PDB file of N, CA and C in Angstrom:
ATOM      1  N   UNK A   1     -14.341  -9.212   5.130  1.00  0.00           N
ATOM      2  CA  UNK A   1     -12.532  -9.359   5.121  1.00  0.00           C
ATOM      3  C   UNK A   1     -12.328 -10.587   4.778  1.00  0.00           C
ATOM      4  N   UNK A   2     -11.620 -10.989   3.870  1.00  0.00           N
ATOM      5  CA  UNK A   2     -10.483 -12.137   3.123  1.00  0.00           C
ATOM      6  C   UNK A   2      -9.000 -11.939   3.565  1.00  0.00           C
ATOM      7  N   UNK A   3      -8.648 -12.550   3.857  1.00  0.00           N
ATOM      8  CA  UNK A   3      -7.098 -12.808   4.084  1.00  0.00           C
ATOM      9  C   UNK A   3      -6.342 -13.470   3.223  1.00  0.00           C
ATOM     10  N   UNK A   4      -4.797 -13.030   2.957  1.00  0.00           N
ATOM     11  CA  UNK A   4      -3.929 -13.560   1.576  1.00  0.00           C
ATOM     12  C   UNK A   4      -2.805 -13.602   2.468  1.00  0.00           C
ATOM     13  N   UNK A   5      -2.083 -15.039   1.999  1.00  0.00           N
ATOM     14  CA  UNK A   5      -1.266 -15.104   2.574  1.00  0.00           C
ATOM     15  C   UNK A   5       0.432 -15.512   1.238  1.00  0.00           C
ATOM     16  N   UNK A   6       0.986 -14.343   1.713  1.00  0.00           N
ATOM     17  CA  UNK A   6       2.351 -14.320   0.815  1.00  0.00           C
ATOM     18  C   UNK A   6       3.628 -14.464   1.395  1.00  0.00           C
ATOM     19  N   UNK A   7       4.045 -15.076   0.634  1.00  0.00           N
ATOM     20  CA  UNK A   7       5.616 -15.685   0.932  1.00  0.00           C
ATOM     21  C   UNK A   7       6.610 -14.582  -0.048  1.00  0.00           C
ATOM     22  N   UNK A   8       7.583 -13.436   1.129  1.00  0.00           N
ATOM     23  CA  UNK A   8       8.049 -12.534   1.133  1.00  0.00           C
ATOM     24  C   UNK A   8       9.978 -13.056   0.460  1.00  0.00           C
ATOM     25  N   UNK A   9      10.566 -12.146  -0.449  1.00  0.00           N
ATOM     26  CA  UNK A   9      11.867 -13.608  -0.702  1.00  0.00           C
ATOM     27  C   UNK A   9      12.441 -11.276  -0.627  1.00  0.00           C
ATOM     28  N   UNK A  10      13.814 -11.741   0.238  1.00  0.00           N
ATOM     29  CA  UNK A  10      14.589 -10.559   1.331  1.00  0.00           C
ATOM     30  C   UNK A  10      14.518 -10.286   1.729  1.00  0.00           C
ATOM     31  N   UNK A  11      13.722 -10.380   3.277  1.00  0.00           N
ATOM     32  CA  UNK A  11      13.218 -10.133   4.548  1.00  0.00           C
ATOM     33  C   UNK A  11      14.513 -10.528   5.480  1.00  0.00           C
ATOM     34  N   UNK A  12      15.214  -9.201   6.476  1.00  0.00           N
ATOM     35  CA  UNK A  12      15.573 -10.059   7.001  1.00  0.00           C
ATOM     36  C   UNK A  12      16.236  -9.420   8.135  1.00  0.00           C
ATOM     37  N   UNK A  13      15.370  -8.784   8.557  1.00  0.00           N
ATOM     38  CA  UNK A  13      15.854  -7.803   9.888  1.00  0.00           C
ATOM     39  C   UNK A  13      14.163  -6.937  10.319  1.00  0.00           C
ATOM     40  N   UNK A  14      14.562  -6.199  10.889  1.00  0.00           N
ATOM     41  CA  UNK A  14      12.942  -5.253  11.339  1.00  0.00           C
ATOM     42  C   UNK A  14      12.748  -3.907  11.041  1.00  0.00           C
ATOM     43  N   UNK A  15      13.807  -4.089   9.743  1.00  0.00           N
ATOM     44  CA  UNK A  15      13.745  -2.913   9.388  1.00  0.00           C
ATOM     45  C   UNK A  15      12.678  -3.326   7.468  1.00  0.00           C
ATOM     46  N   UNK A  16      13.542  -4.228   7.466  1.00  0.00           N
ATOM     47  CA  UNK A  16      13.043  -4.536   6.341  1.00  0.00           C
ATOM     48  C   UNK A  16      11.015  -5.223   6.571  1.00  0.00           C
ATOM     49  N   UNK A  17      10.565  -5.715   7.985  1.00  0.00           N
ATOM     50  CA  UNK A  17       9.304  -6.087   8.480  1.00  0.00           C
ATOM     51  C   UNK A  17       8.202  -4.723   8.238  1.00  0.00           C
ATOM     52  N   UNK A  18       9.545  -3.187   8.677  1.00  0.00           N
ATOM     53  CA  UNK A  18       8.982  -2.712   8.349  1.00  0.00           C
ATOM     54  C   UNK A  18       8.404  -1.515   7.190  1.00  0.00           C
ATOM     55  N   UNK A  19       9.342  -2.066   6.651  1.00  0.00           N
ATOM     56  CA  UNK A  19       8.649  -1.289   4.845  1.00  0.00           C
ATOM     57  C   UNK A  19       8.597  -2.109   4.671  1.00  0.00           C
ATOM     58  N   UNK A  20       7.708  -3.488   4.832  1.00  0.00           N
ATOM     59  CA  UNK A  20       7.349  -4.076   3.993  1.00  0.00           C
ATOM     60  C   UNK A  20       5.719  -4.176   4.610  1.00  0.00           C
ATOM     61  N   UNK A  21       5.570  -3.638   5.594  1.00  0.00           N
ATOM     62  CA  UNK A  21       4.036  -3.989   6.348  1.00  0.00           C
ATOM     63  C   UNK A  21       3.759  -2.234   6.119  1.00  0.00           C
ATOM     64  N   UNK A  22       4.337  -1.225   6.071  1.00  0.00           N
ATOM     65  CA  UNK A  22       4.235  -0.592   5.325  1.00  0.00           C
ATOM     66  C   UNK A  22       4.077   0.055   3.450  1.00  0.00           C
ATOM     67  N   UNK A  23       4.856  -0.829   3.301  1.00  0.00           N
ATOM     68  CA  UNK A  23       4.212  -0.722   1.540  1.00  0.00           C
ATOM     69  C   UNK A  23       2.923  -1.482   1.781  1.00  0.00           C
ATOM     70  N   UNK A  24       2.805  -2.543   2.458  1.00  0.00           N
ATOM     71  CA  UNK A  24       1.117  -2.905   2.460  1.00  0.00           C
ATOM     72  C   UNK A  24      -0.159  -2.490   3.214  1.00  0.00           C
ATOM     73  N   UNK A  25      -0.070  -1.456   3.762  1.00  0.00           N
ATOM     74  CA  UNK A  25      -0.010  -0.784   4.244  1.00  0.00           C
ATOM     75  C   UNK A  25      -0.775   0.250   4.086  1.00  0.00           C
ATOM     76  N   UNK A  26      -0.447   1.302   2.620  1.00  0.00           N
ATOM     77  CA  UNK A  26      -0.385   2.324   2.600  1.00  0.00           C
ATOM     78  C   UNK A  26      -1.793   1.983   1.555  1.00  0.00           C
ATOM     79  N   UNK A  27      -1.621   0.571   0.472  1.00  0.00           N
ATOM     80  CA  UNK A  27      -2.573   0.194   0.041  1.00  0.00           C
ATOM     81  C   UNK A  27      -3.869  -0.333   0.351  1.00  0.00           C
ATOM     82  N   UNK A  28      -5.090   1.111  -0.563  1.00  0.00           N
ATOM     83  CA  UNK A  28      -6.583   0.817  -0.657  1.00  0.00           C
ATOM     84  C   UNK A  28      -7.317  -0.534   0.037  1.00  0.00           C
ATOM     85  N   UNK A  29      -7.804  -0.832   0.791  1.00  0.00           N
ATOM     86  CA  UNK A  29      -8.545  -1.518   1.273  1.00  0.00           C
ATOM     87  C   UNK A  29      -7.646  -3.100   2.145  1.00  0.00           C
ATOM     88  N   UNK A  30      -6.739  -2.383   2.055  1.00  0.00           N
ATOM     89  CA  UNK A  30      -5.282  -3.634   3.234  1.00  0.00           C
ATOM     90  C   UNK A  30      -5.545  -2.573   4.826  1.00  0.00           C
ATOM     91  N   UNK A  31      -6.750  -4.158   6.191  1.00  0.00           N
ATOM     92  CA  UNK A  31      -6.555  -3.648   7.271  1.00  0.00           C
ATOM     93  C   UNK A  31      -5.737  -4.745   7.999  1.00  0.00           C
ATOM     94  N   UNK A  32      -5.036  -5.118   8.346  1.00  0.00           N
ATOM     95  CA  UNK A  32      -3.960  -5.793   8.444  1.00  0.00           C
ATOM     96  C   UNK A  32      -3.298  -6.566   8.155  1.00  0.00           C
ATOM     97  N   UNK A  33      -2.061  -6.475   9.184  1.00  0.00           N
ATOM     98  CA  UNK A  33      -0.757  -6.707   8.214  1.00  0.00           C
ATOM     99  C   UNK A  33       0.401  -7.717   9.147  1.00  0.00           C
ATOM    100  N   UNK A  34       0.331  -8.826   8.815  1.00  0.00           N
ATOM    101  CA  UNK A  34       1.079  -9.710  10.490  1.00  0.00           C
ATOM    102  C   UNK A  34       2.243 -10.069   9.691  1.00  0.00           C
ATOM    103  N   UNK A  35       4.067  -9.777  10.319  1.00  0.00           N
ATOM    104  CA  UNK A  35       4.612 -10.547   9.224  1.00  0.00           C
ATOM    105  C   UNK A  35       5.649 -11.372  10.006  1.00  0.00           C
ATOM    106  N   UNK A  36       5.946 -13.165   9.240  1.00  0.00           N
ATOM    107  CA  UNK A  36       6.494 -13.556  10.185  1.00  0.00           C
ATOM    108  C   UNK A  36       7.992 -13.085  10.100  1.00  0.00           C
ATOM    109  N   UNK A  37       9.007 -13.378  10.353  1.00  0.00           N
ATOM    110  CA  UNK A  37      10.417 -12.801   9.620  1.00  0.00           C
ATOM    111  C   UNK A  37      11.218 -13.546   9.427  1.00  0.00           C
ATOM    112  N   UNK A  38      10.824 -14.643  10.602  1.00  0.00           N
ATOM    113  CA  UNK A  38      11.240 -15.851  10.472  1.00  0.00           C
ATOM    114  C   UNK A  38      11.445 -17.703   9.142  1.00  0.00           C
ATOM    115  N   UNK A  39       9.226 -16.899   8.562  1.00  0.00           N
ATOM    116  CA  UNK A  39       9.068 -18.290   7.061  1.00  0.00           C
ATOM    117  C   UNK A  39       9.011 -17.128   6.784  1.00  0.00           C
ATOM    118  N   UNK A  40       9.444 -15.674   6.699  1.00  0.00           N
ATOM    119  CA  UNK A  40       9.599 -15.150   5.619  1.00  0.00           C
ATOM    120  C   UNK A  40       7.777 -15.532   4.686  1.00  0.00           C
ATOM    121  N   UNK A  41       6.626 -14.699   5.782  1.00  0.00           N
ATOM    122  CA  UNK A  41       5.978 -15.295   5.374  1.00  0.00           C
ATOM    123  C   UNK A  41       4.488 -13.844   5.785  1.00  0.00           C
ATOM    124  N   UNK A  42       4.204 -13.439   4.887  1.00  0.00           N
ATOM    125  CA  UNK A  42       2.888 -12.231   5.417  1.00  0.00           C
ATOM    126  C   UNK A  42       1.387 -12.468   5.810  1.00  0.00           C
ATOM    127  N   UNK A  43       0.389 -11.948   6.426  1.00  0.00           N
ATOM    128  CA  UNK A  43      -0.397 -12.613   5.793  1.00  0.00           C
ATOM    129  C   UNK A  43      -1.255 -10.935   5.739  1.00  0.00           C
ATOM    130  N   UNK A  44      -2.089 -10.897   5.220  1.00  0.00           N
ATOM    131  CA  UNK A  44      -2.244  -9.636   5.519  1.00  0.00           C
ATOM    132  C   UNK A  44      -3.722  -9.995   4.969  1.00  0.00           C
ATOM    133  N   UNK A  45      -5.012  -9.143   5.286  1.00  0.00           N
ATOM    134  CA  UNK A  45      -5.993  -9.190   6.393  1.00  0.00           C
ATOM    135  C   UNK A  45      -6.984  -8.297   4.905  1.00  0.00           C
ATOM    136  N   UNK A  46      -7.872  -8.465   4.571  1.00  0.00           N
ATOM    137  CA  UNK A  46      -8.880  -6.990   3.779  1.00  0.00           C
ATOM    138  C   UNK A  46      -9.366  -6.591   2.922  1.00  0.00           C
ATOM    139  N   UNK A  47      -9.864  -6.417   1.545  1.00  0.00           N
ATOM    140  CA  UNK A  47     -10.188  -6.619   0.291  1.00  0.00           C
ATOM    141  C   UNK A  47      -9.444  -6.144  -0.815  1.00  0.00           C
ATOM    142  N   UNK A  48      -8.086  -5.495  -0.664  1.00  0.00           N
ATOM    143  CA  UNK A  48      -6.998  -5.686  -1.602  1.00  0.00           C
ATOM    144  C   UNK A  48      -7.045  -7.313  -2.813  1.00  0.00           C
ATOM    145  N   UNK A  49      -6.932  -7.330  -3.572  1.00  0.00           N
ATOM    146  CA  UNK A  49      -6.783  -7.794  -5.535  1.00  0.00           C
ATOM    147  C   UNK A  49      -4.588  -8.149  -4.698  1.00  0.00           C
ATOM    148  N   UNK A  50      -4.523  -9.238  -4.539  1.00  0.00           N
ATOM    149  CA  UNK A  50      -3.332 -10.406  -4.038  1.00  0.00           C
ATOM    150  C   UNK A  50      -2.142  -9.340  -5.897  1.00  0.00           C
ATOM    151  N   UNK A  51      -2.773  -9.327  -7.232  1.00  0.00           N
ATOM    152  CA  UNK A  51      -1.960  -8.967  -7.775  1.00  0.00           C
ATOM    153  C   UNK A  51      -1.076  -7.529  -7.554  1.00  0.00           C
ATOM    154  N   UNK A  52      -2.448  -6.914  -6.750  1.00  0.00           N
ATOM    155  CA  UNK A  52      -1.563  -5.190  -5.986  1.00  0.00           C
ATOM    156  C   UNK A  52      -0.654  -5.691  -4.956  1.00  0.00           C
ATOM    157  N   UNK A  53      -0.590  -6.518  -4.284  1.00  0.00           N
ATOM    158  CA  UNK A  53       0.023  -6.541  -3.496  1.00  0.00           C
ATOM    159  C   UNK A  53       0.975  -6.749  -3.514  1.00  0.00           C
ATOM    160  N   UNK A  54       0.418  -7.899  -4.594  1.00  0.00           N
ATOM    161  CA  UNK A  54       2.338  -8.235  -5.284  1.00  0.00           C
ATOM    162  C   UNK A  54       2.979  -7.312  -5.714  1.00  0.00           C
ATOM    163  N   UNK A  55       2.269  -6.710  -6.371  1.00  0.00           N
ATOM    164  CA  UNK A  55       2.856  -5.391  -7.294  1.00  0.00           C
ATOM    165  C   UNK A  55       3.796  -3.990  -5.595  1.00  0.00           C
ATOM    166  N   UNK A  56       3.039  -3.695  -5.395  1.00  0.00           N
ATOM    167  CA  UNK A  56       3.487  -3.016  -4.306  1.00  0.00           C
ATOM    168  C   UNK A  56       5.277  -3.525  -3.505  1.00  0.00           C
ATOM    169  N   UNK A  57       4.753  -4.625  -2.790  1.00  0.00           N
ATOM    170  CA  UNK A  57       5.905  -5.905  -2.005  1.00  0.00           C
ATOM    171  C   UNK A  57       7.003  -5.218  -3.533  1.00  0.00           C
ATOM    172  N   UNK A  58       6.896  -6.331  -4.786  1.00  0.00           N
ATOM    173  CA  UNK A  58       8.078  -5.846  -5.704  1.00  0.00           C
ATOM    174  C   UNK A  58       8.368  -4.352  -6.452  1.00  0.00           C
ATOM    175  N   UNK A  59       8.089  -2.936  -5.820  1.00  0.00           N
ATOM    176  CA  UNK A  59       7.749  -2.720  -5.693  1.00  0.00           C
ATOM    177  C   UNK A  59       9.031  -1.220  -4.912  1.00  0.00           C
ATOM    178  N   UNK A  60       8.275  -2.163  -3.145  1.00  0.00           N
ATOM    179  CA  UNK A  60       9.665  -1.961  -2.614  1.00  0.00           C
ATOM    180  C   UNK A  60      10.368  -2.453  -2.335  1.00  0.00           C
ATOM    181  N   UNK A  61      10.236  -3.957  -3.244  1.00  0.00           N
ATOM    182  CA  UNK A  61      12.777  -4.069  -3.215  1.00  0.00           C
ATOM    183  C   UNK A  61      11.553  -5.699  -2.204  1.00  0.00           C
ATOM    184  N   UNK A  62      10.791  -6.355  -2.285  1.00  0.00           N
ATOM    185  CA  UNK A  62      11.209  -7.071  -1.556  1.00  0.00           C
ATOM    186  C   UNK A  62      10.127  -8.483  -2.642  1.00  0.00           C
ATOM    187  N   UNK A  63      10.469  -8.818  -3.419  1.00  0.00           N
ATOM    188  CA  UNK A  63      10.026  -9.442  -4.789  1.00  0.00           C
ATOM    189  C   UNK A  63       9.060 -10.828  -4.134  1.00  0.00           C
ATOM    190  N   UNK A  64       7.727 -11.503  -4.158  1.00  0.00           N
ATOM    191  CA  UNK A  64       6.299 -11.583  -3.971  1.00  0.00           C
ATOM    192  C   UNK A  64       5.990 -13.308  -4.282  1.00  0.00           C
ATOM    193  N   UNK A  65       4.945 -13.853  -4.110  1.00  0.00           N
ATOM    194  CA  UNK A  65       4.167 -15.098  -4.795  1.00  0.00           C
ATOM    195  C   UNK A  65       3.209 -15.517  -3.499  1.00  0.00           C
ATOM    196  N   UNK A  66       2.311 -14.953  -3.828  1.00  0.00           N
ATOM    197  CA  UNK A  66       0.944 -16.385  -2.867  1.00  0.00           C
ATOM    198  C   UNK A  66       1.733 -17.008  -1.997  1.00  0.00           C
ATOM    199  N   UNK A  67       1.654 -16.761  -1.360  1.00  0.00           N
ATOM    200  CA  UNK A  67       1.743 -19.103  -0.419  1.00  0.00           C
ATOM    201  C   UNK A  67       1.005 -20.405  -1.116  1.00  0.00           C
ATOM    202  N   UNK A  68      -0.441 -19.722  -1.535  1.00  0.00           N
ATOM    203  CA  UNK A  68      -0.445 -21.126  -2.916  1.00  0.00           C
ATOM    204  C   UNK A  68       0.727 -21.143  -3.217  1.00  0.00           C
ATOM    205  N   UNK A  69       0.656 -20.676  -4.200  1.00  0.00           N
ATOM    206  CA  UNK A  69       1.565 -20.586  -5.454  1.00  0.00           C
ATOM    207  C   UNK A  69       3.236 -21.081  -5.315  1.00  0.00           C
ATOM    208  N   UNK A  70       3.726 -21.163  -3.892  1.00  0.00           N
ATOM    209  CA  UNK A  70       4.459 -21.546  -3.186  1.00  0.00           C
ATOM    210  C   UNK A  70       4.643 -22.871  -3.500  1.00  0.00           C
ATOM    211  N   UNK A  71       3.502 -23.491  -1.839  1.00  0.00           N
ATOM    212  CA  UNK A  71       3.547 -24.742  -2.458  1.00  0.00           C
ATOM    213  C   UNK A  71       3.273 -25.566  -3.295  1.00  0.00           C
ATOM    214  N   UNK A  72       2.187 -25.230  -4.255  1.00  0.00           N
ATOM    215  CA  UNK A  72       2.775 -25.719  -5.317  1.00  0.00           C
ATOM    216  C   UNK A  72       3.455 -26.024  -6.764  1.00  0.00           C
ATOM    217  N   UNK A  73       4.536 -24.740  -6.444  1.00  0.00           N
ATOM    218  CA  UNK A  73       5.715 -25.547  -6.840  1.00  0.00           C
ATOM    219  C   UNK A  73       6.797 -26.013  -6.281  1.00  0.00           C
ATOM    220  N   UNK A  74       6.659 -26.454  -4.716  1.00  0.00           N
ATOM    221  CA  UNK A  74       7.529 -27.292  -3.891  1.00  0.00           C
ATOM    222  C   UNK A  74       7.494 -28.207  -4.451  1.00  0.00           C
ATOM    223  N   UNK A  75       5.750 -28.257  -4.682  1.00  0.00           N
ATOM    224  CA  UNK A  75       4.446 -30.502  -4.750  1.00  0.00           C
ATOM    225  C   UNK A  75       5.415 -30.112  -5.869  1.00  0.00           C
ATOM    226  N   UNK A  76       5.796 -29.368  -6.941  1.00  0.00           N
ATOM    227  CA  UNK A  76       5.660 -29.842  -8.126  1.00  0.00           C
ATOM    228  C   UNK A  76       7.092 -30.224  -8.630  1.00  0.00           C
ATOM    229  N   UNK A  77       7.691 -29.596  -8.283  1.00  0.00           N
ATOM    230  CA  UNK A  77       9.485 -30.569  -8.202  1.00  0.00           C
ATOM    231  C   UNK A  77      10.182 -31.257  -7.375  1.00  0.00           C
ATOM    232  N   UNK A  78       8.862 -31.975  -6.591  1.00  0.00           N
ATOM    233  CA  UNK A  78       9.153 -32.492  -5.601  1.00  0.00           C
ATOM    234  C   UNK A  78      10.611 -34.334  -5.985  1.00  0.00           C
ATOM    235  N   UNK A  79      11.062 -34.347  -5.795  1.00  0.00           N
ATOM    236  CA  UNK A  79      10.777 -35.868  -6.363  1.00  0.00           C
ATOM    237  C   UNK A  79      12.203 -35.652  -7.678  1.00  0.00           C
ATOM    238  N   UNK A  80      12.594 -34.150  -7.647  1.00  0.00           N
ATOM    239  CA  UNK A  80      14.113 -34.185  -8.498  1.00  0.00           C
ATOM    240  C   UNK A  80      14.640 -32.902  -8.177  1.00  0.00           C
ATOM    241  N   UNK A  81      14.322 -32.196  -7.436  1.00  0.00           N
ATOM    242  CA  UNK A  81      14.983 -31.290  -7.465  1.00  0.00           C
ATOM    243  C   UNK A  81      14.870 -30.341  -8.522  1.00  0.00           C
ATOM    244  N   UNK A  82      13.503 -30.517  -8.859  1.00  0.00           N
ATOM    245  CA  UNK A  82      13.107 -29.263  -9.972  1.00  0.00           C
ATOM    246  C   UNK A  82      14.166 -29.288 -11.768  1.00  0.00           C
ATOM    247  N   UNK A  83      15.168 -30.514 -11.558  1.00  0.00           N
ATOM    248  CA  UNK A  83      16.398 -30.307 -12.648  1.00  0.00           C
ATOM    249  C   UNK A  83      15.802 -31.267 -13.789  1.00  0.00           C
ATOM    250  N   UNK A  84      14.304 -31.245 -13.971  1.00  0.00           N
ATOM    251  CA  UNK A  84      13.835 -31.089 -15.238  1.00  0.00           C
ATOM    252  C   UNK A  84      13.929 -32.466 -16.100  1.00  0.00           C
ATOM    253  N   UNK A  85      14.256 -33.670 -15.289  1.00  0.00           N
ATOM    254  CA  UNK A  85      14.348 -34.745 -15.477  1.00  0.00           C
ATOM    255  C   UNK A  85      12.784 -35.053 -16.403  1.00  0.00           C
ATOM    256  N   UNK A  86      11.482 -34.800 -16.547  1.00  0.00           N
ATOM    257  CA  UNK A  86      10.681 -34.682 -16.781  1.00  0.00           C
ATOM    258  C   UNK A  86       9.922 -36.655 -16.214  1.00  0.00           C
ATOM    259  N   UNK A  87      10.080 -36.131 -14.278  1.00  0.00           N
ATOM    260  CA  UNK A  87       9.464 -37.558 -13.155  1.00  0.00           C
ATOM    261  C   UNK A  87       8.647 -36.067 -13.301  1.00  0.00           C
ATOM    262  N   UNK A  88       8.553 -34.381 -12.603  1.00  0.00           N
ATOM    263  CA  UNK A  88       7.396 -33.909 -12.328  1.00  0.00           C
ATOM    264  C   UNK A  88       7.643 -32.789 -12.756  1.00  0.00           C
ATOM    265  N   UNK A  89       8.504 -32.373 -13.002  1.00  0.00           N
ATOM    266  CA  UNK A  89       9.225 -30.869 -13.927  1.00  0.00           C
ATOM    267  C   UNK A  89       7.228 -30.796 -15.641  1.00  0.00           C
ATOM    268  N   UNK A  90       7.092 -30.726 -15.423  1.00  0.00           N
ATOM    269  CA  UNK A  90       6.278 -31.060 -16.856  1.00  0.00           C
ATOM    270  C   UNK A  90       5.010 -29.736 -16.216  1.00  0.00           C
TER     271      UNK A  90
END
């Protein structure tokens, strides 16, 4: 079993957590879903493809990206705030 960590936008309450959990558990290959509302991170265990997980969340109204991509974007824009100054936003 592999696990994927996602950064999910738009979660603000327990009802959001329930909707996200249900949307992911409905997918084939998902065996475990752990949601951290405060950080917006969701850990998904199983054999489901990351793109399928992201599409299901988007359809449920919660845009997301893999946490690895979120970290890369933060690193890429650090130093200028992503203003396109050329120092790191290439």
